[in-house]
Amino acid sequence: MTIIIDGSTGCPVSPATGTLAVANGGTGVTTSTGSGANVLGTSPTITGATITVASTANPTFSAYGNAQSMPNATWTKINFETEEFDTNSNFASSRFTPTVAGYYQVNAGIYFGFTTGSATISVYKNGSEYKRGSANAGVTGGTMPIATSLVSCNGTTDYLEIYLYQNTGSSQSSNGGGATQYFNGSMVRSA
């Protein structure tokens, strides 16, 4: 573990220059101002300082769903019952709720075997449509709409879900499975 206080980024102590570093496995706390170093010993006391330790964990998840029936001309939440991985325990009940504020790359896709009509897949943020992708059905081979987006999440109340709208004239069932009904994402940088 290393803790750094740097005056150029708003050090709350005076003087606002230099670096305080606590190295994991070290024998003490070393301060430096660029002109030398002072060892404070193994039990130093620091008063009047605010130290913030930023998480280096980037929440990342991947999940997929079983075949699911989708009614015609209705926005339907997509289910993702199987987690492949969830590094920070932020994915549950087909919803990603990151607890670290930052910018997240998310991706989702779902495959249907229908050959007429179209389907739209959307990333929903906090219950409202955020970004979408759509696909028209081909004559053979079905269709697979894909949505991908960079999303800012506050780390407390923001959550992401995936919804689908299809207009083929009748209910359709997705194929399901890890390659054809997926939702995944990862934090790409902190807020």
N, C-alpha and C. Protein backbone atom coordinates (compact mmCIF):
# COMPACT_ATOMS: atom_id res chain seq x y z
N MET A 1 0.84 -1.17 0.00
CA MET A 1 0.00 0.00 0.00
C MET A 1 0.88 1.23 0.00
N THR A 2 0.55 2.21 -0.81
CA THR A 2 1.25 3.48 -0.84
C THR A 2 0.25 4.60 -0.72
N ILE A 3 0.49 5.53 0.19
CA ILE A 3 -0.36 6.71 0.34
C ILE A 3 0.48 7.91 -0.04
N ILE A 4 -0.03 8.72 -0.94
CA ILE A 4 0.72 9.89 -1.38
C ILE A 4 -0.12 11.14 -1.18
N ILE A 5 0.48 12.13 -0.54
CA ILE A 5 -0.14 13.45 -0.43
C ILE A 5 0.72 14.38 -1.26
N ASP A 6 0.12 15.01 -2.23
CA ASP A 6 0.86 15.84 -3.17
C ASP A 6 0.23 17.22 -3.21
N GLY A 7 0.98 18.23 -2.91
CA GLY A 7 0.46 19.59 -2.87
C GLY A 7 -0.14 20.06 -4.17
N SER A 8 0.31 19.52 -5.30
CA SER A 8 -0.23 19.96 -6.58
C SER A 8 -1.65 19.49 -6.80
N THR A 9 -2.14 18.53 -6.01
CA THR A 9 -3.51 18.06 -6.16
C THR A 9 -4.37 18.42 -4.96
N GLY A 10 -4.01 19.43 -4.24
CA GLY A 10 -4.85 19.92 -3.16
C GLY A 10 -4.52 19.34 -1.80
N CYS A 11 -3.25 19.32 -1.43
CA CYS A 11 -2.84 18.81 -0.14
C CYS A 11 -3.47 19.66 0.97
N PRO A 12 -4.17 19.03 1.96
CA PRO A 12 -4.83 19.80 3.00
C PRO A 12 -3.91 20.21 4.14
N VAL A 13 -2.62 19.87 4.07
CA VAL A 13 -1.71 20.23 5.15
C VAL A 13 -0.70 21.23 4.64
N SER A 14 -0.02 21.87 5.56
CA SER A 14 0.98 22.87 5.20
C SER A 14 2.35 22.35 5.63
N PRO A 15 3.40 22.48 4.87
CA PRO A 15 3.41 23.11 3.56
C PRO A 15 2.79 22.19 2.52
N ALA A 16 2.27 22.77 1.47
CA ALA A 16 1.57 22.01 0.44
C ALA A 16 2.53 21.53 -0.64
N THR A 17 3.68 21.06 -0.23
CA THR A 17 4.62 20.49 -1.18
C THR A 17 5.20 19.23 -0.59
N GLY A 18 5.75 18.43 -1.42
CA GLY A 18 6.39 17.21 -0.93
C GLY A 18 5.46 16.02 -1.00
N THR A 19 5.99 14.89 -0.56
CA THR A 19 5.27 13.63 -0.65
C THR A 19 5.41 12.87 0.66
N LEU A 20 4.31 12.28 1.12
CA LEU A 20 4.32 11.38 2.26
C LEU A 20 4.02 10.01 1.69
N ALA A 21 4.92 9.06 1.87
CA ALA A 21 4.70 7.72 1.32
C ALA A 21 4.79 6.68 2.42
N VAL A 22 3.81 5.78 2.46
CA VAL A 22 3.84 4.64 3.37
C VAL A 22 3.91 3.42 2.48
N ALA A 23 5.04 2.74 2.51
CA ALA A 23 5.23 1.59 1.64
C ALA A 23 4.90 0.31 2.38
N ASN A 24 4.19 -0.59 1.73
CA ASN A 24 3.84 -1.87 2.31
C ASN A 24 5.12 -2.65 2.61
N GLY A 25 5.28 -3.12 3.83
CA GLY A 25 6.46 -3.89 4.20
C GLY A 25 7.64 -3.03 4.61
N GLY A 26 7.46 -1.71 4.61
CA GLY A 26 8.55 -0.82 4.98
C GLY A 26 8.76 -0.75 6.48
N THR A 27 9.78 -0.02 6.89
CA THR A 27 10.11 0.07 8.31
C THR A 27 9.68 1.40 8.91
N GLY A 28 9.08 2.26 8.14
CA GLY A 28 8.66 3.53 8.70
C GLY A 28 8.00 4.38 7.65
N VAL A 29 7.73 5.61 8.02
CA VAL A 29 7.12 6.58 7.11
C VAL A 29 8.19 7.55 6.69
N THR A 30 8.32 7.78 5.41
CA THR A 30 9.33 8.67 4.89
C THR A 30 8.65 9.88 4.27
N THR A 31 9.14 11.07 4.60
CA THR A 31 8.64 12.27 3.94
C THR A 31 9.77 12.84 3.12
N SER A 32 9.39 13.49 2.03
CA SER A 32 10.42 14.14 1.24
C SER A 32 9.85 15.39 0.61
N THR A 33 10.71 16.36 0.39
CA THR A 33 10.30 17.61 -0.25
C THR A 33 11.14 17.87 -1.48
N GLY A 34 11.87 16.88 -1.89
CA GLY A 34 12.71 17.03 -3.06
C GLY A 34 14.15 17.37 -2.71
N SER A 35 14.41 17.77 -1.47
CA SER A 35 15.77 18.13 -1.10
C SER A 35 16.35 17.16 -0.06
N GLY A 36 15.69 16.02 0.12
CA GLY A 36 16.18 15.04 1.10
C GLY A 36 15.02 14.29 1.69
N ALA A 37 15.31 13.37 2.56
CA ALA A 37 14.25 12.56 3.15
C ALA A 37 14.42 12.50 4.65
N ASN A 38 13.31 12.38 5.36
CA ASN A 38 13.30 12.24 6.81
C ASN A 38 12.51 11.00 7.17
N VAL A 39 13.07 10.12 8.00
CA VAL A 39 12.33 8.95 8.45
C VAL A 39 11.65 9.31 9.76
N LEU A 40 10.32 9.10 9.81
CA LEU A 40 9.56 9.45 11.00
C LEU A 40 9.47 8.32 12.00
N GLY A 41 9.93 7.11 11.62
CA GLY A 41 9.87 5.98 12.54
C GLY A 41 8.68 5.09 12.24
N THR A 42 8.48 4.07 13.05
CA THR A 42 7.43 3.09 12.80
C THR A 42 6.09 3.49 13.39
N SER A 43 6.02 4.48 14.27
CA SER A 43 4.75 4.89 14.87
C SER A 43 4.61 6.41 14.85
N PRO A 44 4.61 7.03 13.66
CA PRO A 44 4.50 8.48 13.61
C PRO A 44 3.08 8.94 13.88
N THR A 45 2.96 10.19 14.32
CA THR A 45 1.65 10.82 14.50
C THR A 45 1.52 11.94 13.49
N ILE A 46 0.44 11.90 12.74
CA ILE A 46 0.16 12.96 11.76
C ILE A 46 -1.16 13.58 12.17
N THR A 47 -1.16 14.89 12.41
CA THR A 47 -2.39 15.57 12.80
C THR A 47 -2.74 16.62 11.75
N GLY A 48 -4.03 16.90 11.64
CA GLY A 48 -4.49 17.94 10.74
C GLY A 48 -4.45 17.57 9.27
N ALA A 49 -4.32 16.28 8.97
CA ALA A 49 -4.23 15.85 7.57
C ALA A 49 -5.44 15.01 7.20
N THR A 50 -5.83 15.09 5.98
CA THR A 50 -6.87 14.23 5.44
C THR A 50 -6.23 13.32 4.41
N ILE A 51 -6.37 12.02 4.60
CA ILE A 51 -5.78 11.07 3.69
C ILE A 51 -6.91 10.28 3.05
N THR A 52 -6.96 10.28 1.74
CA THR A 52 -7.95 9.52 1.00
C THR A 52 -7.24 8.42 0.23
N VAL A 53 -7.68 7.21 0.45
CA VAL A 53 -7.12 6.09 -0.26
C VAL A 53 -8.08 5.73 -1.39
N ALA A 54 -7.66 5.90 -2.62
CA ALA A 54 -8.50 5.59 -3.78
C ALA A 54 -8.44 4.10 -4.07
N SER A 55 -9.60 3.55 -4.38
CA SER A 55 -9.67 2.14 -4.73
C SER A 55 -9.00 1.90 -6.09
N THR A 56 -8.21 0.86 -6.14
CA THR A 56 -7.61 0.51 -7.42
C THR A 56 -8.41 -0.59 -8.11
N ALA A 57 -9.48 -1.06 -7.45
CA ALA A 57 -10.32 -2.09 -8.03
C ALA A 57 -11.23 -1.48 -9.09
N ASN A 58 -11.27 -2.11 -10.25
CA ASN A 58 -12.17 -1.68 -11.31
C ASN A 58 -13.29 -2.70 -11.41
N PRO A 59 -14.49 -2.38 -10.90
CA PRO A 59 -15.58 -3.35 -10.98
C PRO A 59 -15.80 -3.81 -12.42
N THR A 60 -15.86 -5.11 -12.59
CA THR A 60 -16.01 -5.74 -13.89
C THR A 60 -16.93 -6.93 -13.75
N PHE A 61 -17.83 -7.11 -14.72
CA PHE A 61 -18.76 -8.23 -14.63
C PHE A 61 -19.08 -8.76 -16.03
N SER A 62 -19.58 -9.98 -16.07
CA SER A 62 -20.10 -10.56 -17.29
C SER A 62 -21.16 -11.57 -16.90
N ALA A 63 -22.31 -11.49 -17.58
CA ALA A 63 -23.41 -12.41 -17.29
C ALA A 63 -24.14 -12.75 -18.58
N TYR A 64 -24.84 -13.88 -18.56
CA TYR A 64 -25.66 -14.24 -19.71
C TYR A 64 -26.98 -14.83 -19.26
N GLY A 65 -27.93 -14.89 -20.19
CA GLY A 65 -29.27 -15.33 -19.84
C GLY A 65 -29.73 -16.55 -20.60
N ASN A 66 -30.79 -17.16 -20.07
CA ASN A 66 -31.46 -18.28 -20.71
C ASN A 66 -32.43 -17.74 -21.76
N ALA A 67 -32.94 -18.61 -22.61
CA ALA A 67 -33.96 -18.22 -23.58
C ALA A 67 -35.11 -17.52 -22.85
N GLN A 68 -35.60 -16.44 -23.45
CA GLN A 68 -36.64 -15.63 -22.81
C GLN A 68 -37.67 -15.21 -23.85
N SER A 69 -38.95 -15.31 -23.50
CA SER A 69 -40.02 -14.88 -24.39
C SER A 69 -40.19 -13.37 -24.31
N MET A 70 -40.30 -12.73 -25.48
CA MET A 70 -40.46 -11.27 -25.56
C MET A 70 -41.77 -10.95 -26.26
N PRO A 71 -42.69 -10.27 -25.60
CA PRO A 71 -43.94 -9.90 -26.28
C PRO A 71 -43.68 -8.90 -27.40
N ASN A 72 -44.58 -8.85 -28.36
CA ASN A 72 -44.47 -7.92 -29.47
C ASN A 72 -44.73 -6.48 -29.02
N ALA A 73 -43.97 -5.54 -29.55
CA ALA A 73 -44.19 -4.09 -29.36
C ALA A 73 -44.25 -3.67 -27.90
N THR A 74 -43.38 -4.25 -27.06
CA THR A 74 -43.34 -3.92 -25.63
C THR A 74 -41.88 -3.91 -25.18
N TRP A 75 -41.48 -2.90 -24.42
CA TRP A 75 -40.14 -2.90 -23.82
C TRP A 75 -40.11 -3.94 -22.72
N THR A 76 -39.16 -4.86 -22.80
CA THR A 76 -39.06 -5.98 -21.86
C THR A 76 -37.67 -6.01 -21.26
N LYS A 77 -37.59 -6.10 -19.92
CA LYS A 77 -36.29 -6.23 -19.28
C LYS A 77 -35.71 -7.61 -19.58
N ILE A 78 -34.44 -7.63 -19.96
CA ILE A 78 -33.77 -8.89 -20.29
C ILE A 78 -33.17 -9.50 -19.02
N ASN A 79 -33.35 -10.79 -18.87
CA ASN A 79 -32.82 -11.50 -17.71
C ASN A 79 -31.45 -12.10 -18.04
N PHE A 80 -30.56 -11.99 -17.08
CA PHE A 80 -29.21 -12.56 -17.18
C PHE A 80 -28.98 -13.36 -15.90
N GLU A 81 -29.33 -14.64 -15.95
CA GLU A 81 -29.34 -15.47 -14.73
C GLU A 81 -27.99 -16.01 -14.32
N THR A 82 -27.04 -16.09 -15.26
CA THR A 82 -25.75 -16.74 -14.97
C THR A 82 -24.62 -15.73 -15.00
N GLU A 83 -23.94 -15.58 -13.87
CA GLU A 83 -22.76 -14.72 -13.80
C GLU A 83 -21.53 -15.51 -14.21
N GLU A 84 -20.77 -14.96 -15.15
CA GLU A 84 -19.49 -15.56 -15.50
C GLU A 84 -18.41 -15.06 -14.55
N PHE A 85 -18.45 -13.77 -14.22
CA PHE A 85 -17.60 -13.20 -13.19
C PHE A 85 -18.21 -11.87 -12.75
N ASP A 86 -17.87 -11.48 -11.53
CA ASP A 86 -18.37 -10.24 -10.92
C ASP A 86 -17.36 -9.83 -9.86
N THR A 87 -16.34 -9.06 -10.25
CA THR A 87 -15.17 -8.82 -9.41
C THR A 87 -15.45 -8.02 -8.14
N ASN A 88 -16.55 -7.28 -8.11
CA ASN A 88 -16.81 -6.43 -6.94
C ASN A 88 -18.21 -6.65 -6.38
N SER A 89 -18.85 -7.75 -6.74
CA SER A 89 -20.20 -8.11 -6.28
C SER A 89 -21.21 -6.99 -6.56
N ASN A 90 -21.17 -6.42 -7.76
CA ASN A 90 -22.07 -5.33 -8.13
C ASN A 90 -23.18 -5.76 -9.08
N PHE A 91 -23.22 -7.02 -9.46
CA PHE A 91 -24.25 -7.50 -10.38
C PHE A 91 -25.18 -8.47 -9.66
N ALA A 92 -26.49 -8.19 -9.70
CA ALA A 92 -27.49 -9.06 -9.10
C ALA A 92 -28.84 -8.77 -9.73
N SER A 93 -29.66 -9.79 -9.87
CA SER A 93 -31.02 -9.66 -10.42
C SER A 93 -31.03 -8.93 -11.76
N SER A 94 -30.08 -9.28 -12.62
CA SER A 94 -29.97 -8.70 -13.98
C SER A 94 -29.72 -7.20 -13.96
N ARG A 95 -29.13 -6.70 -12.89
CA ARG A 95 -28.85 -5.27 -12.72
C ARG A 95 -27.42 -5.07 -12.26
N PHE A 96 -26.73 -4.09 -12.88
CA PHE A 96 -25.37 -3.72 -12.48
C PHE A 96 -25.45 -2.42 -11.70
N THR A 97 -25.02 -2.44 -10.43
CA THR A 97 -25.05 -1.27 -9.56
C THR A 97 -23.62 -1.04 -9.04
N PRO A 98 -22.79 -0.31 -9.80
CA PRO A 98 -21.41 -0.14 -9.37
C PRO A 98 -21.29 0.72 -8.12
N THR A 99 -20.44 0.31 -7.21
CA THR A 99 -20.23 1.04 -5.95
C THR A 99 -18.95 1.87 -5.98
N VAL A 100 -18.33 1.97 -7.13
CA VAL A 100 -17.16 2.83 -7.31
C VAL A 100 -17.51 3.84 -8.40
N ALA A 101 -17.45 5.13 -8.07
CA ALA A 101 -17.78 6.17 -9.04
C ALA A 101 -16.78 6.15 -10.19
N GLY A 102 -17.31 6.21 -11.42
CA GLY A 102 -16.41 6.21 -12.56
C GLY A 102 -17.14 6.09 -13.87
N TYR A 103 -16.36 5.84 -14.90
CA TYR A 103 -16.89 5.70 -16.26
C TYR A 103 -16.79 4.23 -16.63
N TYR A 104 -17.91 3.66 -17.09
CA TYR A 104 -18.01 2.23 -17.36
C TYR A 104 -18.33 1.97 -18.82
N GLN A 105 -17.60 1.04 -19.41
CA GLN A 105 -17.93 0.54 -20.75
C GLN A 105 -18.85 -0.65 -20.56
N VAL A 106 -20.06 -0.59 -21.14
CA VAL A 106 -21.00 -1.70 -21.03
C VAL A 106 -21.39 -2.18 -22.43
N ASN A 107 -21.70 -3.47 -22.52
CA ASN A 107 -22.04 -4.11 -23.78
C ASN A 107 -23.16 -5.10 -23.55
N ALA A 108 -24.06 -5.21 -24.52
CA ALA A 108 -25.14 -6.19 -24.41
C ALA A 108 -25.56 -6.62 -25.81
N GLY A 109 -25.96 -7.88 -25.92
CA GLY A 109 -26.45 -8.40 -27.18
C GLY A 109 -27.44 -9.51 -26.93
N ILE A 110 -28.37 -9.70 -27.88
CA ILE A 110 -29.35 -10.78 -27.76
C ILE A 110 -29.73 -11.25 -29.16
N TYR A 111 -29.76 -12.56 -29.35
CA TYR A 111 -30.02 -13.14 -30.67
C TYR A 111 -31.43 -13.73 -30.74
N PHE A 112 -32.10 -13.49 -31.88
CA PHE A 112 -33.40 -14.08 -32.18
C PHE A 112 -33.31 -14.78 -33.52
N GLY A 113 -34.10 -15.83 -33.69
CA GLY A 113 -34.12 -16.55 -34.95
C GLY A 113 -35.14 -16.03 -35.94
N PHE A 114 -35.92 -14.99 -35.58
CA PHE A 114 -36.95 -14.53 -36.52
C PHE A 114 -36.34 -13.88 -37.76
N THR A 115 -37.08 -13.91 -38.86
CA THR A 115 -36.55 -13.43 -40.14
C THR A 115 -37.30 -12.23 -40.71
N THR A 116 -38.29 -11.72 -40.00
CA THR A 116 -38.97 -10.48 -40.42
C THR A 116 -39.09 -9.57 -39.21
N GLY A 117 -39.17 -8.27 -39.44
CA GLY A 117 -39.30 -7.31 -38.34
C GLY A 117 -37.94 -6.82 -37.88
N SER A 118 -37.93 -6.23 -36.69
CA SER A 118 -36.68 -5.70 -36.14
C SER A 118 -36.71 -5.77 -34.62
N ALA A 119 -35.55 -5.54 -34.03
CA ALA A 119 -35.42 -5.53 -32.57
C ALA A 119 -34.47 -4.41 -32.17
N THR A 120 -34.79 -3.77 -31.06
CA THR A 120 -33.97 -2.69 -30.50
C THR A 120 -33.58 -3.08 -29.09
N ILE A 121 -32.30 -3.00 -28.78
CA ILE A 121 -31.80 -3.29 -27.44
C ILE A 121 -31.27 -1.99 -26.85
N SER A 122 -31.57 -1.75 -25.57
CA SER A 122 -31.19 -0.48 -24.94
C SER A 122 -30.55 -0.68 -23.59
N VAL A 123 -29.54 0.13 -23.32
CA VAL A 123 -28.98 0.25 -21.98
C VAL A 123 -29.86 1.24 -21.24
N TYR A 124 -30.41 0.82 -20.12
CA TYR A 124 -31.22 1.69 -19.27
C TYR A 124 -30.38 2.10 -18.07
N LYS A 125 -30.39 3.39 -17.76
CA LYS A 125 -29.70 3.91 -16.57
C LYS A 125 -30.76 4.47 -15.64
N ASN A 126 -30.82 3.93 -14.44
CA ASN A 126 -31.77 4.36 -13.42
C ASN A 126 -33.22 4.31 -13.92
N GLY A 127 -33.55 3.29 -14.70
CA GLY A 127 -34.92 3.08 -15.14
C GLY A 127 -35.32 3.81 -16.41
N SER A 128 -34.40 4.55 -17.04
CA SER A 128 -34.71 5.28 -18.27
C SER A 128 -33.72 4.90 -19.36
N GLU A 129 -34.21 4.92 -20.61
CA GLU A 129 -33.35 4.58 -21.72
C GLU A 129 -32.18 5.55 -21.80
N TYR A 130 -30.98 4.98 -22.00
CA TYR A 130 -29.76 5.79 -22.07
C TYR A 130 -29.15 5.73 -23.47
N LYS A 131 -28.87 4.52 -23.98
CA LYS A 131 -28.31 4.33 -25.32
C LYS A 131 -28.95 3.09 -25.93
N ARG A 132 -29.03 3.06 -27.26
CA ARG A 132 -29.66 1.91 -27.92
C ARG A 132 -28.91 1.46 -29.15
N GLY A 133 -29.22 0.23 -29.54
CA GLY A 133 -28.75 -0.34 -30.79
C GLY A 133 -29.88 -1.16 -31.37
N SER A 134 -29.97 -1.25 -32.68
CA SER A 134 -31.06 -2.02 -33.27
C SER A 134 -30.58 -2.80 -34.47
N ALA A 135 -31.42 -3.76 -34.88
CA ALA A 135 -31.09 -4.59 -36.03
C ALA A 135 -32.37 -5.02 -36.72
N ASN A 136 -32.37 -4.99 -38.04
CA ASN A 136 -33.46 -5.53 -38.83
C ASN A 136 -33.17 -6.99 -39.12
N ALA A 137 -34.22 -7.78 -39.14
CA ALA A 137 -34.05 -9.21 -39.40
C ALA A 137 -33.65 -9.44 -40.84
N GLY A 138 -32.79 -10.42 -41.05
CA GLY A 138 -32.41 -10.82 -42.40
C GLY A 138 -33.37 -11.89 -42.91
N VAL A 139 -33.27 -12.19 -44.16
CA VAL A 139 -34.14 -13.21 -44.75
C VAL A 139 -33.85 -14.57 -44.11
N THR A 140 -32.60 -14.84 -43.82
CA THR A 140 -32.23 -16.08 -43.12
C THR A 140 -31.26 -15.73 -42.00
N GLY A 141 -31.19 -16.58 -41.03
CA GLY A 141 -30.17 -16.40 -39.99
C GLY A 141 -30.57 -15.59 -38.79
N GLY A 142 -31.74 -14.97 -38.76
CA GLY A 142 -32.18 -14.22 -37.59
C GLY A 142 -31.52 -12.86 -37.46
N THR A 143 -31.58 -12.33 -36.24
CA THR A 143 -31.04 -10.99 -35.98
C THR A 143 -30.46 -10.91 -34.58
N MET A 144 -29.47 -10.04 -34.41
CA MET A 144 -28.85 -9.86 -33.10
C MET A 144 -28.52 -8.39 -32.89
N PRO A 145 -29.43 -7.63 -32.25
CA PRO A 145 -29.09 -6.25 -31.93
C PRO A 145 -28.06 -6.21 -30.81
N ILE A 146 -27.17 -5.22 -30.89
CA ILE A 146 -26.10 -5.05 -29.90
C ILE A 146 -26.09 -3.60 -29.45
N ALA A 147 -25.93 -3.38 -28.15
CA ALA A 147 -25.77 -2.03 -27.60
C ALA A 147 -24.43 -1.96 -26.88
N THR A 148 -23.72 -0.87 -27.09
CA THR A 148 -22.45 -0.65 -26.39
C THR A 148 -22.34 0.83 -26.09
N SER A 149 -21.87 1.18 -24.90
CA SER A 149 -21.81 2.59 -24.53
C SER A 149 -20.85 2.80 -23.36
N LEU A 150 -20.37 4.02 -23.26
CA LEU A 150 -19.61 4.48 -22.10
C LEU A 150 -20.60 5.23 -21.21
N VAL A 151 -20.67 4.84 -19.92
CA VAL A 151 -21.68 5.40 -19.01
C VAL A 151 -20.99 5.91 -17.74
N SER A 152 -21.35 7.12 -17.32
CA SER A 152 -20.85 7.66 -16.05
C SER A 152 -21.78 7.20 -14.94
N CYS A 153 -21.21 6.59 -13.89
CA CYS A 153 -21.99 6.12 -12.74
C CYS A 153 -21.43 6.74 -11.46
N ASN A 154 -22.33 7.17 -10.56
CA ASN A 154 -21.92 7.91 -9.37
C ASN A 154 -21.39 7.04 -8.23
N GLY A 155 -21.51 5.73 -8.33
CA GLY A 155 -20.97 4.84 -7.30
C GLY A 155 -21.88 4.65 -6.10
N THR A 156 -23.06 5.25 -6.12
CA THR A 156 -23.99 5.08 -5.00
C THR A 156 -25.38 4.65 -5.48
N THR A 157 -26.05 5.49 -6.26
CA THR A 157 -27.43 5.21 -6.63
C THR A 157 -27.64 4.79 -8.08
N ASP A 158 -26.67 5.00 -8.95
CA ASP A 158 -26.84 4.66 -10.36
C ASP A 158 -26.84 3.15 -10.57
N TYR A 159 -27.71 2.70 -11.48
CA TYR A 159 -27.73 1.28 -11.85
C TYR A 159 -28.05 1.15 -13.33
N LEU A 160 -27.64 0.03 -13.92
CA LEU A 160 -27.81 -0.23 -15.35
C LEU A 160 -28.54 -1.55 -15.56
N GLU A 161 -29.46 -1.55 -16.55
CA GLU A 161 -30.20 -2.74 -16.94
C GLU A 161 -30.30 -2.75 -18.46
N ILE A 162 -30.73 -3.87 -19.01
CA ILE A 162 -30.87 -4.01 -20.46
C ILE A 162 -32.34 -4.33 -20.78
N TYR A 163 -32.89 -3.59 -21.75
CA TYR A 163 -34.27 -3.81 -22.21
C TYR A 163 -34.28 -4.05 -23.71
N LEU A 164 -35.32 -4.75 -24.17
CA LEU A 164 -35.45 -5.03 -25.60
C LEU A 164 -36.88 -4.74 -26.06
N TYR A 165 -36.97 -4.24 -27.30
CA TYR A 165 -38.26 -3.99 -27.96
C TYR A 165 -38.19 -4.68 -29.32
N GLN A 166 -39.16 -5.56 -29.60
CA GLN A 166 -39.18 -6.21 -30.91
C GLN A 166 -40.56 -6.01 -31.54
N ASN A 167 -40.55 -5.84 -32.86
CA ASN A 167 -41.82 -5.61 -33.56
C ASN A 167 -41.97 -6.53 -34.77
N THR A 168 -42.15 -7.80 -34.47
CA THR A 168 -42.32 -8.79 -35.53
C THR A 168 -43.79 -9.12 -35.77
N GLY A 169 -44.66 -8.65 -34.89
CA GLY A 169 -46.08 -8.97 -35.02
C GLY A 169 -46.54 -10.06 -34.09
N SER A 170 -45.60 -10.72 -33.39
CA SER A 170 -45.95 -11.77 -32.44
C SER A 170 -44.84 -11.91 -31.40
N SER A 171 -45.11 -12.63 -30.32
CA SER A 171 -44.08 -12.89 -29.31
C SER A 171 -42.94 -13.67 -29.93
N GLN A 172 -41.74 -13.41 -29.47
CA GLN A 172 -40.55 -14.10 -29.95
C GLN A 172 -39.74 -14.57 -28.75
N SER A 173 -38.99 -15.63 -28.95
CA SER A 173 -38.13 -16.14 -27.89
C SER A 173 -36.68 -15.98 -28.29
N SER A 174 -35.89 -15.46 -27.37
CA SER A 174 -34.45 -15.35 -27.63
C SER A 174 -33.83 -16.74 -27.57
N ASN A 175 -32.63 -16.87 -28.12
CA ASN A 175 -31.95 -18.17 -28.10
C ASN A 175 -31.32 -18.47 -26.75
N GLY A 176 -30.90 -17.43 -26.01
CA GLY A 176 -30.24 -17.64 -24.74
C GLY A 176 -28.82 -18.16 -24.92
N GLY A 177 -28.04 -18.11 -23.83
CA GLY A 177 -26.68 -18.64 -23.85
C GLY A 177 -25.62 -17.56 -23.78
N GLY A 178 -24.40 -17.96 -23.42
CA GLY A 178 -23.30 -17.04 -23.19
C GLY A 178 -22.86 -16.25 -24.40
N ALA A 179 -23.01 -16.81 -25.60
CA ALA A 179 -22.57 -16.12 -26.80
C ALA A 179 -23.66 -15.26 -27.42
N THR A 180 -24.94 -15.49 -27.04
CA THR A 180 -26.04 -14.84 -27.75
C THR A 180 -27.01 -14.05 -26.88
N GLN A 181 -26.84 -14.04 -25.58
CA GLN A 181 -27.68 -13.20 -24.69
C GLN A 181 -26.82 -12.77 -23.51
N TYR A 182 -26.06 -11.70 -23.72
CA TYR A 182 -25.04 -11.33 -22.73
C TYR A 182 -25.15 -9.86 -22.32
N PHE A 183 -24.57 -9.57 -21.16
CA PHE A 183 -24.46 -8.22 -20.60
C PHE A 183 -23.16 -8.20 -19.84
N ASN A 184 -22.24 -7.29 -20.19
CA ASN A 184 -20.98 -7.20 -19.47
C ASN A 184 -20.50 -5.76 -19.42
N GLY A 185 -19.56 -5.50 -18.54
CA GLY A 185 -19.03 -4.15 -18.43
C GLY A 185 -17.84 -4.08 -17.50
N SER A 186 -17.15 -2.93 -17.58
CA SER A 186 -15.97 -2.74 -16.75
C SER A 186 -15.73 -1.25 -16.57
N MET A 187 -15.24 -0.86 -15.40
CA MET A 187 -14.85 0.53 -15.17
C MET A 187 -13.58 0.81 -15.95
N VAL A 188 -13.59 1.88 -16.74
CA VAL A 188 -12.41 2.22 -17.52
C VAL A 188 -11.58 3.33 -16.89
N ARG A 189 -12.21 4.15 -16.04
CA ARG A 189 -11.47 5.14 -15.25
C ARG A 189 -12.36 5.67 -14.14
N SER A 190 -11.73 6.17 -13.09
CA SER A 190 -12.48 6.70 -11.96
C SER A 190 -13.06 8.06 -12.32
N ALA A 191 -14.02 8.49 -11.52
CA ALA A 191 -14.69 9.78 -11.76
C ALA A 191 -13.77 10.93 -11.39
